[in-house]
C-alpha atoms as a PDB file:
ATOM      1  CA  MET A   1     -15.191 -69.949  68.188  1.00  0.00           C
ATOM      2  CA  LYS A   2     -17.457 -72.037  69.684  1.00  0.00           C
ATOM      3  CA  GLY A   3     -17.106 -73.412  73.171  1.00  0.00           C
ATOM      4  CA  PRO A   4     -17.985 -76.945  74.690  1.00  0.00           C
ATOM      5  CA  ASN A   5     -21.332 -76.267  74.821  1.00  0.00           C
ATOM      6  CA  HIS A   6     -21.204 -76.604  70.916  1.00  0.00           C
ATOM      7  CA  ILE A   7     -19.448 -79.971  70.340  1.00  0.00           C
ATOM      8  CA  LYS A   8     -22.016 -81.952  68.236  1.00  0.00           C
ATOM      9  CA  GLU A   9     -22.237 -86.023  69.312  1.00  0.00           C
ATOM     10  CA  LYS A  10     -19.981 -87.953  66.434  1.00  0.00           C
ATOM     11  CA  ARG A  11     -22.201 -90.990  67.248  1.00  0.00           C
ATOM     12  CA  LYS A  12     -25.002 -91.992  64.103  1.00  0.00           C
ATOM     13  CA  HIS A  13     -27.434 -93.241  66.736  1.00  0.00           C
ATOM     14  CA  PRO A  14     -28.183 -91.313  70.216  1.00  0.00           C
ATOM     15  CA  ARG A  15     -27.602 -93.804  73.456  1.00  0.00           C
ATOM     16  CA  VAL A  16     -30.679 -94.283  75.812  1.00  0.00           C
ATOM     17  CA  ASN A  17     -30.209 -95.042  79.094  1.00  0.00           C
ATOM     18  CA  ILE A  18     -32.101 -98.651  80.349  1.00  0.00           C
ATOM     19  CA  ASP A  19     -31.986-100.886  82.578  1.00  0.00           C
ATOM     20  CA  LEU A  20     -33.228-104.237  81.612  1.00  0.00           C
ATOM     21  CA  PRO A  21     -32.040-107.787  81.315  1.00  0.00           C
ATOM     22  CA  LEU A  22     -30.761-110.124  78.549  1.00  0.00           C
ATOM     23  CA  GLU A  23     -29.874-113.141  77.858  1.00  0.00           C
ATOM     24  CA  TYR A  24     -26.787-114.456  75.578  1.00  0.00           C
ATOM     25  CA  ARG A  25     -24.883-116.997  74.188  1.00  0.00           C
ATOM     26  CA  VAL A  26     -21.741-117.426  72.880  1.00  0.00           C
ATOM     27  CA  SER A  27     -21.850-118.458  69.543  1.00  0.00           C
ATOM     28  CA  ASP A  28     -23.166-121.710  69.312  1.00  0.00           C
ATOM     29  CA  ALA A  29     -22.431-122.808  72.582  1.00  0.00           C
ATOM     30  CA  PRO A  30     -25.406-124.531  74.286  1.00  0.00           C
ATOM     31  CA  HIS A  31     -25.452-122.410  77.825  1.00  0.00           C
ATOM     32  CA  LEU A  32     -27.284-118.989  78.509  1.00  0.00           C
ATOM     33  CA  HIS A  33     -25.772-116.216  80.711  1.00  0.00           C
ATOM     34  CA  GLY A  34     -27.378-113.018  82.324  1.00  0.00           C
ATOM     35  CA  ALA A  35     -26.384-109.868  81.864  1.00  0.00           C
ATOM     36  CA  ILE A  36     -28.048-106.316  82.226  1.00  0.00           C
ATOM     37  CA  VAL A  37     -28.251-103.467  79.770  1.00  0.00           C
ATOM     38  CA  VAL A  38     -26.752 -99.964  80.712  1.00  0.00           C
ATOM     39  CA  ASN A  39     -27.702 -98.452  77.541  1.00  0.00           C
ATOM     40  CA  ALA A  40     -28.176 -98.532  73.894  1.00  0.00           C
ATOM     41  CA  SER A  41     -28.656 -97.342  70.567  1.00  0.00           C
ATOM     42  CA  GLU A  42     -29.837 -98.719  67.100  1.00  0.00           C
ATOM     43  CA  SER A  43     -26.340 -99.876  66.570  1.00  0.00           C
ATOM     44  CA  GLY A  44     -25.084-101.774  69.917  1.00  0.00           C
ATOM     45  CA  LEU A  45     -25.496-102.072  73.465  1.00  0.00           C
ATOM     46  CA  LEU A  46     -23.640-101.373  76.718  1.00  0.00           C
ATOM     47  CA  ILE A  47     -23.998-104.731  78.947  1.00  0.00           C
ATOM     48  CA  HIS A  48     -22.541-104.904  82.627  1.00  0.00           C
ATOM     49  CA  SER A  49     -21.612-109.042  83.342  1.00  0.00           C
ATOM     50  CA  VAL A  50     -19.747-110.900  85.338  1.00  0.00           C
ATOM     51  CA  LYS A  51     -18.539-113.197  82.671  1.00  0.00           C
ATOM     52  CA  ASP A  52     -15.049-112.383  81.348  1.00  0.00           C
ATOM     53  CA  LEU A  53     -15.301-112.264  77.664  1.00  0.00           C
ATOM     54  CA  PRO A  54     -12.729-111.455  75.110  1.00  0.00           C
ATOM     55  CA  ILE A  55     -12.981-108.577  72.806  1.00  0.00           C
ATOM     56  CA  GLY A  56     -14.321-110.013  69.031  1.00  0.00           C
ATOM     57  CA  THR A  57     -16.659-112.228  71.177  1.00  0.00           C
ATOM     58  CA  LYS A  58     -19.741-113.204  68.827  1.00  0.00           C
ATOM     59  CA  LEU A  59     -23.033-113.412  70.839  1.00  0.00           C
ATOM     60  CA  THR A  60     -26.412-114.178  70.134  1.00  0.00           C
ATOM     61  CA  ILE A  61     -28.641-111.828  72.540  1.00  0.00           C
ATOM     62  CA  ALA A  62     -32.531-111.817  73.970  1.00  0.00           C
ATOM     63  CA  VAL A  63     -32.819-108.632  75.389  1.00  0.00           C
ATOM     64  CA  LEU A  64     -36.220-108.692  77.848  1.00  0.00           C
ATOM     65  CA  PHE A  65     -38.692-105.939  78.585  1.00  0.00           C
ATOM     66  CA  SER A  66     -42.433-105.442  79.397  1.00  0.00           C
ATOM     67  CA  LYS A  67     -44.621-104.125  76.575  1.00  0.00           C
ATOM     68  CA  GLY A  68     -47.833-103.483  78.234  1.00  0.00           C
ATOM     69  CA  LEU A  69     -48.830-106.177  80.197  1.00  0.00           C
ATOM     70  CA  GLU A  70     -46.983-108.667  78.515  1.00  0.00           C
ATOM     71  CA  PHE A  71     -43.302-109.481  78.435  1.00  0.00           C
ATOM     72  CA  SER A  72     -41.589-109.406  75.001  1.00  0.00           C
ATOM     73  CA  ASN A  73     -37.855-109.641  73.640  1.00  0.00           C
ATOM     74  CA  PHE A  74     -35.763-108.966  70.801  1.00  0.00           C
ATOM     75  CA  GLU A  75     -32.871-110.688  69.299  1.00  0.00           C
ATOM     76  CA  VAL A  76     -30.154-109.908  67.808  1.00  0.00           C
ATOM     77  CA  SER A  77     -26.580-111.049  66.971  1.00  0.00           C
ATOM     78  CA  ALA A  78     -23.450-108.872  68.185  1.00  0.00           C
ATOM     79  CA  GLU A  79     -19.848-108.543  68.335  1.00  0.00           C
ATOM     80  CA  ILE A  80     -17.956-107.408  71.598  1.00  0.00           C
ATOM     81  CA  VAL A  81     -15.761-104.325  70.542  1.00  0.00           C
ATOM     82  CA  TRP A  82     -14.459-103.034  73.915  1.00  0.00           C
ATOM     83  CA  LYS A  83     -14.831-104.220  77.081  1.00  0.00           C
ATOM     84  CA  ASP A  84     -13.805-102.486  80.662  1.00  0.00           C
ATOM     85  CA  LYS A  85     -12.892-104.792  84.140  1.00  0.00           C
ATOM     86  CA  HIS A  86     -13.358-103.327  87.364  1.00  0.00           C
ATOM     87  CA  TRP A  87     -13.936-104.249  90.862  1.00  0.00           C
ATOM     88  CA  GLU A  88     -17.234-104.805  92.944  1.00  0.00           C
ATOM     89  CA  GLU A  89     -17.587-106.118  96.734  1.00  0.00           C
ATOM     90  CA  ASN A  90     -14.027-107.693  95.954  1.00  0.00           C
ATOM     91  CA  ARG A  91     -15.418-109.634  92.306  1.00  0.00           C
ATOM     92  CA  ALA A  92     -14.700-108.565  88.766  1.00  0.00           C
ATOM     93  CA  ARG A  93     -17.302-107.209  87.433  1.00  0.00           C
ATOM     94  CA  TYR A  94     -17.291-106.298  83.283  1.00  0.00           C
ATOM     95  CA  GLN A  95     -18.651-103.655  80.841  1.00  0.00           C
ATOM     96  CA  PHE A  96     -18.958-104.578  77.129  1.00  0.00           C
ATOM     97  CA  GLY A  97     -19.749-102.235  74.210  1.00  0.00           C
ATOM     98  CA  LEU A  98     -21.547-104.338  71.479  1.00  0.00           C
ATOM     99  CA  LYS A  99     -21.975-103.600  68.107  1.00  0.00           C
ATOM    100  CA  PHE A 100     -24.975-105.037  66.490  1.00  0.00           C
ATOM    101  CA  LEU A 101     -24.413-107.628  63.234  1.00  0.00           C
ATOM    102  CA  HIS A 102     -27.980-108.525  62.494  1.00  0.00           C
ATOM    103  CA  LEU A 103     -31.067-107.595  63.677  1.00  0.00           C
ATOM    104  CA  SER A 104     -34.625-108.532  61.301  1.00  0.00           C
ATOM    105  CA  GLU A 105     -36.602-105.847  60.742  1.00  0.00           C
ATOM    106  CA  GLU A 106     -39.523-106.668  63.216  1.00  0.00           C
ATOM    107  CA  ASP A 107     -36.801-107.056  66.177  1.00  0.00           C
ATOM    108  CA  HIS A 108     -35.224-103.381  64.714  1.00  0.00           C
ATOM    109  CA  GLN A 109     -38.507-101.857  65.255  1.00  0.00           C
ATOM    110  CA  LYS A 110     -39.268-103.657  68.675  1.00  0.00           C
ATOM    111  CA  LEU A 111     -36.044-101.854  69.385  1.00  0.00           C
ATOM    112  CA  LYS A 112     -36.867 -97.975  67.847  1.00  0.00           C
ATOM    113  CA  GLN A 113     -40.080 -98.198  69.882  1.00  0.00           C
ATOM    114  CA  LEU A 114     -38.337 -99.514  73.315  1.00  0.00           C
ATOM    115  CA  LEU A 115     -35.620 -96.550  72.615  1.00  0.00           C
ATOM    116  CA  GLY A 116     -38.224 -94.293  71.808  1.00  0.00           C
ATOM    117  CA  GLU A 117     -39.848 -94.701  75.219  1.00  0.00           C
ATOM    118  CA  GLU A 118     -36.792 -94.066  77.190  1.00  0.00           C
ATOM    119  CA  HIS A 119     -34.849 -90.847  77.311  1.00  0.00           C
ATOM    120  CA  GLU A 120     -31.558 -90.066  75.250  1.00  0.00           C
ATOM    121  CA  ILE A 121     -28.531 -89.531  77.052  1.00  0.00           C
END
């Protein structure tokens, strides 16, 4: 019988802890909003936001990161697949689990590079 240390990760892509800013737009709405990426994989993101959004909302996202002495980003369209609300300093904060819907090959390579520079959790 195998103990708890032998439980295999069920995720197709491992999650990596990162702390990066992102900008997102709901569908084709004109306004950009900010949030923070908490962790990422090749298939999605966990983000923190002060804005409440319903599950199923589709977002256009740009994740900002430094690449050497320059700044870069990768862009992706994603869907909120789960959310959690918690309170900090008497203000509501939200965590969202996002699943990627579309990621160009160039942006996928940027994401893979970024994930390779961080440590898996």
